[in-house]
């Protein structure tokens, strides 16, 4: 038999993981379903807890990795600049 509450819970959590919905959207949708009586408070709490436990949002993780890559590149360039400067001083 079809269970609307399970369907909503599964799709909201899956939608968050696949980046179909943001945390804010999940919160709003879940609250709307709760207010309409389509899910119980327990399911609402599970959805909210799921989003909180799976933070940061996957996109933010990618941004973090990109920042780390950028820092590594900057550090490498700084080391190369130092070496070039040292080589130049050695020649003089």
PDB file of N, CA and C in Angstrom:
ATOM      1  N   UNK A   1       0.836  -1.178   0.000  1.00  0.00           N
ATOM      2  CA  UNK A   1       0.000   0.000   0.000  1.00  0.00           C
ATOM      3  C   UNK A   1       0.886   1.249   0.000  1.00  0.00           C
ATOM      4  N   UNK A   2       0.470   2.252  -0.708  1.00  0.00           N
ATOM      5  CA  UNK A   2       1.216   3.504  -0.824  1.00  0.00           C
ATOM      6  C   UNK A   2       1.168   4.287   0.490  1.00  0.00           C
ATOM      7  N   UNK A   3       2.354   4.735   0.941  1.00  0.00           N
ATOM      8  CA  UNK A   3       2.441   5.500   2.173  1.00  0.00           C
ATOM      9  C   UNK A   3       2.949   6.904   1.824  1.00  0.00           C
ATOM     10  N   UNK A   4       2.054   7.877   1.867  1.00  0.00           N
ATOM     11  CA  UNK A   4       2.388   9.256   1.493  1.00  0.00           C
ATOM     12  C   UNK A   4       3.520   9.818   2.347  1.00  0.00           C
ATOM     13  N   UNK A   5       3.492   9.550   3.635  1.00  0.00           N
ATOM     14  CA  UNK A   5       4.492  10.075   4.548  1.00  0.00           C
ATOM     15  C   UNK A   5       5.902   9.583   4.173  1.00  0.00           C
ATOM     16  N   UNK A   6       6.018   8.285   3.898  1.00  0.00           N
ATOM     17  CA  UNK A   6       7.319   7.728   3.485  1.00  0.00           C
ATOM     18  C   UNK A   6       7.770   8.320   2.152  1.00  0.00           C
ATOM     19  N   UNK A   7       6.832   8.454   1.242  1.00  0.00           N
ATOM     20  CA  UNK A   7       7.128   9.023  -0.073  1.00  0.00           C
ATOM     21  C   UNK A   7       7.694  10.441   0.071  1.00  0.00           C
ATOM     22  N   UNK A   8       7.057  11.253   0.875  1.00  0.00           N
ATOM     23  CA  UNK A   8       7.502  12.636   1.084  1.00  0.00           C
ATOM     24  C   UNK A   8       8.887  12.652   1.726  1.00  0.00           C
ATOM     25  N   UNK A   9       9.063  11.854   2.773  1.00  0.00           N
ATOM     26  CA  UNK A   9      10.356  11.811   3.469  1.00  0.00           C
ATOM     27  C   UNK A   9      11.482  11.385   2.523  1.00  0.00           C
ATOM     28  N   UNK A  10      11.273  10.314   1.804  1.00  0.00           N
ATOM     29  CA  UNK A  10      12.296   9.803   0.891  1.00  0.00           C
ATOM     30  C   UNK A  10      12.633  10.809  -0.203  1.00  0.00           C
ATOM     31  N   UNK A  11      11.634  11.440  -0.752  1.00  0.00           N
ATOM     32  CA  UNK A  11      11.881  12.362  -1.854  1.00  0.00           C
ATOM     33  C   UNK A  11      12.513  13.671  -1.400  1.00  0.00           C
ATOM     34  N   UNK A  12      12.155  14.152  -0.223  1.00  0.00           N
ATOM     35  CA  UNK A  12      12.795  15.366   0.283  1.00  0.00           C
ATOM     36  C   UNK A  12      14.263  15.111   0.611  1.00  0.00           C
ATOM     37  N   UNK A  13      14.554  13.983   1.262  1.00  0.00           N
ATOM     38  CA  UNK A  13      15.950  13.697   1.609  1.00  0.00           C
ATOM     39  C   UNK A  13      16.769  13.407   0.353  1.00  0.00           C
ATOM     40  N   UNK A  14      16.207  12.675  -0.569  1.00  0.00           N
ATOM     41  CA  UNK A  14      16.907  12.395  -1.828  1.00  0.00           C
ATOM     42  C   UNK A  14      17.103  13.679  -2.630  1.00  0.00           C
ATOM     43  N   UNK A  15      16.090  14.533  -2.624  1.00  0.00           N
ATOM     44  CA  UNK A  15      16.190  15.815  -3.326  1.00  0.00           C
ATOM     45  C   UNK A  15      17.285  16.692  -2.768  1.00  0.00           C
ATOM     46  N   UNK A  16      17.514  16.610  -1.465  1.00  0.00           N
ATOM     47  CA  UNK A  16      18.603  17.375  -0.844  1.00  0.00           C
ATOM     48  C   UNK A  16      19.957  16.820  -1.280  1.00  0.00           C
ATOM     49  N   UNK A  17      20.084  15.504  -1.254  1.00  0.00           N
ATOM     50  CA  UNK A  17      21.363  14.884  -1.615  1.00  0.00           C
ATOM     51  C   UNK A  17      21.727  15.100  -3.075  1.00  0.00           C
ATOM     52  N   UNK A  18      20.726  15.150  -3.923  1.00  0.00           N
ATOM     53  CA  UNK A  18      20.987  15.334  -5.360  1.00  0.00           C
ATOM     54  C   UNK A  18      21.009  16.800  -5.773  1.00  0.00           C
ATOM     55  N   UNK A  19      20.896  17.678  -4.781  1.00  0.00           N
ATOM     56  CA  UNK A  19      20.918  19.126  -5.003  1.00  0.00           C
ATOM     57  C   UNK A  19      19.706  19.655  -5.764  1.00  0.00           C
ATOM     58  N   UNK A  20      18.643  18.883  -5.747  1.00  0.00           N
ATOM     59  CA  UNK A  20      17.410  19.362  -6.370  1.00  0.00           C
ATOM     60  C   UNK A  20      16.772  20.449  -5.509  1.00  0.00           C
ATOM     61  N   UNK A  21      16.967  20.337  -4.186  1.00  0.00           N
ATOM     62  CA  UNK A  21      16.409  21.302  -3.241  1.00  0.00           C
ATOM     63  C   UNK A  21      17.500  21.781  -2.294  1.00  0.00           C
ATOM     64  N   UNK A  22      17.407  23.039  -1.897  1.00  0.00           N
ATOM     65  CA  UNK A  22      18.328  23.573  -0.899  1.00  0.00           C
ATOM     66  C   UNK A  22      17.792  23.255   0.496  1.00  0.00           C
ATOM     67  N   UNK A  23      18.595  23.512   1.504  1.00  0.00           N
ATOM     68  CA  UNK A  23      18.153  23.289   2.883  1.00  0.00           C
ATOM     69  C   UNK A  23      16.908  24.112   3.183  1.00  0.00           C
ATOM     70  N   UNK A  24      16.897  25.344   2.743  1.00  0.00           N
ATOM     71  CA  UNK A  24      15.745  26.221   2.983  1.00  0.00           C
ATOM     72  C   UNK A  24      14.483  25.661   2.337  1.00  0.00           C
ATOM     73  N   UNK A  25      14.598  25.182   1.118  1.00  0.00           N
ATOM     74  CA  UNK A  25      13.440  24.608   0.443  1.00  0.00           C
ATOM     75  C   UNK A  25      12.924  23.374   1.181  1.00  0.00           C
ATOM     76  N   UNK A  26      13.838  22.519   1.620  1.00  0.00           N
ATOM     77  CA  UNK A  26      13.439  21.321   2.361  1.00  0.00           C
ATOM     78  C   UNK A  26      12.674  21.716   3.620  1.00  0.00           C
ATOM     79  N   UNK A  27      13.193  22.704   4.338  1.00  0.00           N
ATOM     80  CA  UNK A  27      12.526  23.156   5.567  1.00  0.00           C
ATOM     81  C   UNK A  27      11.121  23.662   5.285  1.00  0.00           C
ATOM     82  N   UNK A  28      10.977  24.456   4.246  1.00  0.00           N
ATOM     83  CA  UNK A  28       9.665  25.012   3.897  1.00  0.00           C
ATOM     84  C   UNK A  28       8.706  23.912   3.446  1.00  0.00           C
ATOM     85  N   UNK A  29       9.186  23.033   2.550  1.00  0.00           N
ATOM     86  CA  UNK A  29       8.326  21.955   2.066  1.00  0.00           C
ATOM     87  C   UNK A  29       7.868  21.067   3.227  1.00  0.00           C
ATOM     88  N   UNK A  30       8.820  20.688   4.085  1.00  0.00           N
ATOM     89  CA  UNK A  30       8.475  19.807   5.206  1.00  0.00           C
ATOM     90  C   UNK A  30       7.449  20.459   6.128  1.00  0.00           C
ATOM     91  N   UNK A  31       7.630  21.739   6.396  1.00  0.00           N
ATOM     92  CA  UNK A  31       6.672  22.445   7.252  1.00  0.00           C
ATOM     93  C   UNK A  31       5.293  22.506   6.594  1.00  0.00           C
ATOM     94  N   UNK A  32       5.258  22.740   5.304  1.00  0.00           N
ATOM     95  CA  UNK A  32       3.971  22.762   4.591  1.00  0.00           C
ATOM     96  C   UNK A  32       3.276  21.404   4.673  1.00  0.00           C
ATOM     97  N   UNK A  33       4.038  20.317   4.466  1.00  0.00           N
ATOM     98  CA  UNK A  33       3.451  18.977   4.559  1.00  0.00           C
ATOM     99  C   UNK A  33       2.944  18.702   5.975  1.00  0.00           C
ATOM    100  N   UNK A  34       3.694  19.166   6.973  1.00  0.00           N
ATOM    101  CA  UNK A  34       3.277  18.987   8.369  1.00  0.00           C
ATOM    102  C   UNK A  34       1.981  19.749   8.637  1.00  0.00           C
ATOM    103  N   UNK A  35       1.924  20.991   8.196  1.00  0.00           N
ATOM    104  CA  UNK A  35       0.728  21.815   8.411  1.00  0.00           C
ATOM    105  C   UNK A  35      -0.508  21.245   7.720  1.00  0.00           C
ATOM    106  N   UNK A  36      -0.321  20.593   6.582  1.00  0.00           N
ATOM    107  CA  UNK A  36      -1.443  20.003   5.848  1.00  0.00           C
ATOM    108  C   UNK A  36      -1.833  18.629   6.384  1.00  0.00           C
ATOM    109  N   UNK A  37      -1.021  18.123   7.332  1.00  0.00           N
ATOM    110  CA  UNK A  37      -1.317  16.812   7.901  1.00  0.00           C
ATOM    111  C   UNK A  37      -0.866  15.652   7.036  1.00  0.00           C
ATOM    112  N   UNK A  38      -0.013  15.928   6.052  1.00  0.00           N
ATOM    113  CA  UNK A  38       0.463  14.856   5.177  1.00  0.00           C
ATOM    114  C   UNK A  38       1.633  14.091   5.793  1.00  0.00           C
ATOM    115  N   UNK A  39       2.298  14.693   6.770  1.00  0.00           N
ATOM    116  CA  UNK A  39       3.324  13.998   7.540  1.00  0.00           C
ATOM    117  C   UNK A  39       3.106  14.322   9.022  1.00  0.00           C
ATOM    118  N   UNK A  40       3.613  13.457   9.879  1.00  0.00           N
ATOM    119  CA  UNK A  40       3.522  13.653  11.321  1.00  0.00           C
ATOM    120  C   UNK A  40       4.744  14.434  11.807  1.00  0.00           C
ATOM    121  N   UNK A  41       4.672  14.951  13.014  1.00  0.00           N
ATOM    122  CA  UNK A  41       5.782  15.689  13.618  1.00  0.00           C
ATOM    123  C   UNK A  41       7.061  14.848  13.621  1.00  0.00           C
ATOM    124  N   UNK A  42       6.929  13.570  13.882  1.00  0.00           N
ATOM    125  CA  UNK A  42       8.074  12.657  13.927  1.00  0.00           C
ATOM    126  C   UNK A  42       8.818  12.626  12.583  1.00  0.00           C
ATOM    127  N   UNK A  43       8.073  12.551  11.498  1.00  0.00           N
ATOM    128  CA  UNK A  43       8.674  12.526  10.168  1.00  0.00           C
ATOM    129  C   UNK A  43       9.300  13.879   9.859  1.00  0.00           C
ATOM    130  N   UNK A  44       8.614  14.946  10.214  1.00  0.00           N
ATOM    131  CA  UNK A  44       9.155  16.301  10.036  1.00  0.00           C
ATOM    132  C   UNK A  44      10.507  16.406  10.735  1.00  0.00           C
ATOM    133  N   UNK A  45      10.576  15.951  11.988  1.00  0.00           N
ATOM    134  CA  UNK A  45      11.816  16.015  12.759  1.00  0.00           C
ATOM    135  C   UNK A  45      12.922  15.190  12.104  1.00  0.00           C
ATOM    136  N   UNK A  46      12.564  14.003  11.570  1.00  0.00           N
ATOM    137  CA  UNK A  46      13.554  13.166  10.885  1.00  0.00           C
ATOM    138  C   UNK A  46      14.124  13.872   9.663  1.00  0.00           C
ATOM    139  N   UNK A  47      13.274  14.549   8.902  1.00  0.00           N
ATOM    140  CA  UNK A  47      13.720  15.248   7.694  1.00  0.00           C
ATOM    141  C   UNK A  47      14.666  16.389   8.068  1.00  0.00           C
ATOM    142  N   UNK A  48      14.267  17.180   9.047  1.00  0.00           N
ATOM    143  CA  UNK A  48      15.091  18.312   9.479  1.00  0.00           C
ATOM    144  C   UNK A  48      16.427  17.813  10.026  1.00  0.00           C
ATOM    145  N   UNK A  49      16.397  16.754  10.821  1.00  0.00           N
ATOM    146  CA  UNK A  49      17.620  16.187  11.385  1.00  0.00           C
ATOM    147  C   UNK A  49      18.532  15.657  10.277  1.00  0.00           C
ATOM    148  N   UNK A  50      17.949  15.030   9.280  1.00  0.00           N
ATOM    149  CA  UNK A  50      18.733  14.504   8.152  1.00  0.00           C
ATOM    150  C   UNK A  50      19.508  15.622   7.473  1.00  0.00           C
ATOM    151  N   UNK A  51      18.832  16.733   7.204  1.00  0.00           N
ATOM    152  CA  UNK A  51      19.481  17.860   6.532  1.00  0.00           C
ATOM    153  C   UNK A  51      20.595  18.422   7.410  1.00  0.00           C
ATOM    154  N   UNK A  52      20.335  18.560   8.687  1.00  0.00           N
ATOM    155  CA  UNK A  52      21.348  19.089   9.605  1.00  0.00           C
ATOM    156  C   UNK A  52      22.562  18.178   9.684  1.00  0.00           C
ATOM    157  N   UNK A  53      22.346  16.874   9.696  1.00  0.00           N
ATOM    158  CA  UNK A  53      23.448  15.914   9.800  1.00  0.00           C
ATOM    159  C   UNK A  53      24.241  15.800   8.510  1.00  0.00           C
ATOM    160  N   UNK A  54      23.664  16.198   7.418  1.00  0.00           N
ATOM    161  CA  UNK A  54      24.344  16.095   6.133  1.00  0.00           C
ATOM    162  C   UNK A  54      24.853  17.437   5.652  1.00  0.00           C
ATOM    163  N   UNK A  55      25.039  18.365   6.592  1.00  0.00           N
ATOM    164  CA  UNK A  55      25.624  19.644   6.244  1.00  0.00           C
ATOM    165  C   UNK A  55      27.129  19.499   6.266  1.00  0.00           C
ATOM    166  N   UNK A  56      27.901  20.285   5.616  1.00  0.00           N
ATOM    167  CA  UNK A  56      27.415  21.339   4.753  1.00  0.00           C
ATOM    168  C   UNK A  56      26.816  20.766   3.476  1.00  0.00           C
ATOM    169  N   UNK A  57      25.993  21.585   2.898  1.00  0.00           N
ATOM    170  CA  UNK A  57      25.364  21.201   1.646  1.00  0.00           C
ATOM    171  C   UNK A  57      26.463  20.783   0.677  1.00  0.00           C
ATOM    172  N   UNK A  58      26.278  19.710  -0.089  1.00  0.00           N
ATOM    173  CA  UNK A  58      27.339  19.210  -0.956  1.00  0.00           C
ATOM    174  C   UNK A  58      28.058  20.272  -1.787  1.00  0.00           C
ATOM    175  N   UNK A  59      27.368  21.280  -2.247  1.00  0.00           N
ATOM    176  CA  UNK A  59      28.007  22.337  -3.027  1.00  0.00           C
ATOM    177  C   UNK A  59      29.075  23.052  -2.220  1.00  0.00           C
ATOM    178  N   UNK A  60      28.808  23.267  -0.928  1.00  0.00           N
ATOM    179  CA  UNK A  60      29.767  23.960  -0.080  1.00  0.00           C
ATOM    180  C   UNK A  60      31.040  23.144   0.064  1.00  0.00           C
ATOM    181  N   UNK A  61      30.936  21.829   0.067  1.00  0.00           N
ATOM    182  CA  UNK A  61      32.124  20.974   0.126  1.00  0.00           C
ATOM    183  C   UNK A  61      32.981  21.190  -1.115  1.00  0.00           C
ATOM    184  N   UNK A  62      32.338  21.271  -2.279  1.00  0.00           N
ATOM    185  CA  UNK A  62      33.088  21.502  -3.511  1.00  0.00           C
ATOM    186  C   UNK A  62      33.769  22.860  -3.479  1.00  0.00           C
ATOM    187  N   UNK A  63      33.071  23.876  -2.966  1.00  0.00           N
ATOM    188  CA  UNK A  63      33.665  25.205  -2.848  1.00  0.00           C
ATOM    189  C   UNK A  63      34.888  25.152  -1.953  1.00  0.00           C
ATOM    190  N   UNK A  64      34.799  24.382  -0.867  1.00  0.00           N
ATOM    191  CA  UNK A  64      35.910  24.248   0.067  1.00  0.00           C
ATOM    192  C   UNK A  64      37.111  23.619  -0.652  1.00  0.00           C
ATOM    193  N   UNK A  65      36.858  22.568  -1.436  1.00  0.00           N
ATOM    194  CA  UNK A  65      37.936  21.910  -2.170  1.00  0.00           C
ATOM    195  C   UNK A  65      38.565  22.871  -3.174  1.00  0.00           C
ATOM    196  N   UNK A  66      37.755  23.663  -3.839  1.00  0.00           N
ATOM    197  CA  UNK A  66      38.261  24.621  -4.806  1.00  0.00           C
ATOM    198  C   UNK A  66      39.150  25.648  -4.108  1.00  0.00           C
ATOM    199  N   UNK A  67      38.732  26.113  -2.934  1.00  0.00           N
ATOM    200  CA  UNK A  67      39.537  27.069  -2.175  1.00  0.00           C
ATOM    201  C   UNK A  67      40.867  26.452  -1.770  1.00  0.00           C
ATOM    202  N   UNK A  68      40.840  25.168  -1.369  1.00  0.00           N
ATOM    203  CA  UNK A  68      42.069  24.487  -0.983  1.00  0.00           C
ATOM    204  C   UNK A  68      43.004  24.358  -2.181  1.00  0.00           C
ATOM    205  N   UNK A  69      42.449  24.032  -3.352  1.00  0.00           N
ATOM    206  CA  UNK A  69      43.254  23.942  -4.564  1.00  0.00           C
ATOM    207  C   UNK A  69      43.882  25.289  -4.889  1.00  0.00           C
ATOM    208  N   UNK A  70      43.101  26.345  -4.736  1.00  0.00           N
ATOM    209  CA  UNK A  70      43.585  27.695  -5.023  1.00  0.00           C
ATOM    210  C   UNK A  70      44.723  28.071  -4.071  1.00  0.00           C
ATOM    211  N   UNK A  71      44.566  27.739  -2.786  1.00  0.00           N
ATOM    212  CA  UNK A  71      45.605  28.034  -1.798  1.00  0.00           C
ATOM    213  C   UNK A  71      46.880  27.263  -2.122  1.00  0.00           C
ATOM    214  N   UNK A  72      46.741  26.000  -2.496  1.00  0.00           N
ATOM    215  CA  UNK A  72      47.897  25.186  -2.861  1.00  0.00           C
ATOM    216  C   UNK A  72      48.619  25.809  -4.051  1.00  0.00           C
ATOM    217  N   UNK A  73      47.861  26.272  -5.026  1.00  0.00           N
ATOM    218  CA  UNK A  73      48.449  26.903  -6.206  1.00  0.00           C
ATOM    219  C   UNK A  73      49.177  28.189  -5.808  1.00  0.00           C
ATOM    220  N   UNK A  74      48.557  28.990  -4.934  1.00  0.00           N
ATOM    221  CA  UNK A  74      49.190  30.232  -4.485  1.00  0.00           C
ATOM    222  C   UNK A  74      50.471  29.945  -3.721  1.00  0.00           C
ATOM    223  N   UNK A  75      50.444  28.917  -2.863  1.00  0.00           N
ATOM    224  CA  UNK A  75      51.636  28.539  -2.101  1.00  0.00           C
ATOM    225  C   UNK A  75      52.755  28.114  -3.050  1.00  0.00           C
ATOM    226  N   UNK A  76      52.394  27.353  -4.071  1.00  0.00           N
ATOM    227  CA  UNK A  76      53.375  26.888  -5.050  1.00  0.00           C
ATOM    228  C   UNK A  76      53.983  28.075  -5.787  1.00  0.00           C
ATOM    229  N   UNK A  77      53.135  29.018  -6.198  1.00  0.00           N
ATOM    230  CA  UNK A  77      53.630  30.202  -6.902  1.00  0.00           C
ATOM    231  C   UNK A  77      54.545  31.034  -6.006  1.00  0.00           C
ATOM    232  N   UNK A  78      54.200  31.146  -4.734  1.00  0.00           N
ATOM    233  CA  UNK A  78      55.020  31.894  -3.785  1.00  0.00           C
ATOM    234  C   UNK A  78      56.389  31.238  -3.643  1.00  0.00           C
ATOM    235  N   UNK A  79      56.425  29.917  -3.545  1.00  0.00           N
ATOM    236  CA  UNK A  79      57.698  29.191  -3.444  1.00  0.00           C
ATOM    237  C   UNK A  79      58.532  29.391  -4.707  1.00  0.00           C
ATOM    238  N   UNK A  80      57.865  29.361  -5.865  1.00  0.00           N
ATOM    239  CA  UNK A  80      58.585  29.570  -7.123  1.00  0.00           C
ATOM    240  C   UNK A  80      59.156  30.979  -7.197  1.00  0.00           C
ATOM    241  N   UNK A  81      58.389  31.972  -6.735  1.00  0.00           N
ATOM    242  CA  UNK A  81      58.860  33.357  -6.717  1.00  0.00           C
ATOM    243  C   UNK A  81      60.083  33.494  -5.813  1.00  0.00           C
ATOM    244  N   UNK A  82      60.043  32.858  -4.643  1.00  0.00           N
ATOM    245  CA  UNK A  82      61.163  32.898  -3.708  1.00  0.00           C
ATOM    246  C   UNK A  82      62.408  32.290  -4.346  1.00  0.00           C
ATOM    247  N   UNK A  83      62.228  31.142  -4.986  1.00  0.00           N
ATOM    248  CA  UNK A  83      63.351  30.449  -5.622  1.00  0.00           C
ATOM    249  C   UNK A  83      63.939  31.309  -6.724  1.00  0.00           C
ATOM    250  N   UNK A  84      63.091  31.922  -7.537  1.00  0.00           N
ATOM    251  CA  UNK A  84      63.558  32.796  -8.618  1.00  0.00           C
ATOM    252  C   UNK A  84      64.344  33.966  -8.031  1.00  0.00           C
ATOM    253  N   UNK A  85      63.852  34.537  -6.967  1.00  0.00           N
ATOM    254  CA  UNK A  85      64.520  35.661  -6.323  1.00  0.00           C
ATOM    255  C   UNK A  85      65.887  35.232  -5.774  1.00  0.00           C
ATOM    256  N   UNK A  86      65.931  34.058  -5.142  1.00  0.00           N
ATOM    257  CA  UNK A  86      67.180  33.534  -4.620  1.00  0.00           C
ATOM    258  C   UNK A  86      68.188  33.278  -5.724  1.00  0.00           C
ATOM    259  N   UNK A  87      67.700  32.683  -6.825  1.00  0.00           N
ATOM    260  CA  UNK A  87      68.580  32.412  -7.970  1.00  0.00           C
ATOM    261  C   UNK A  87      69.138  33.694  -8.534  1.00  0.00           C
ATOM    262  N   UNK A  88      68.304  34.722  -8.608  1.00  0.00           N
ATOM    263  CA  UNK A  88      68.710  36.013  -9.140  1.00  0.00           C
ATOM    264  C   UNK A  88      69.801  36.638  -8.261  1.00  0.00           C
ATOM    265  N   UNK A  89      69.619  36.557  -6.933  1.00  0.00           N
ATOM    266  CA  UNK A  89      70.581  37.111  -5.997  1.00  0.00           C
ATOM    267  C   UNK A  89      71.900  36.356  -6.064  1.00  0.00           C
ATOM    268  N   UNK A  90      71.808  35.043  -6.274  1.00  0.00           N
ATOM    269  CA  UNK A  90      73.008  34.218  -6.372  1.00  0.00           C
ATOM    270  C   UNK A  90      73.824  34.614  -7.601  1.00  0.00           C
ATOM    271  N   UNK A  91      73.164  34.907  -8.705  1.00  0.00           N
ATOM    272  CA  UNK A  91      73.837  35.301  -9.945  1.00  0.00           C
ATOM    273  C   UNK A  91      74.533  36.635  -9.802  1.00  0.00           C
ATOM    274  N   UNK A  92      73.971  37.538  -8.988  1.00  0.00           N
ATOM    275  CA  UNK A  92      74.539  38.863  -8.836  1.00  0.00           C
ATOM    276  C   UNK A  92      75.724  38.747  -7.931  1.00  0.00           C
TER     277      UNK A  92
END
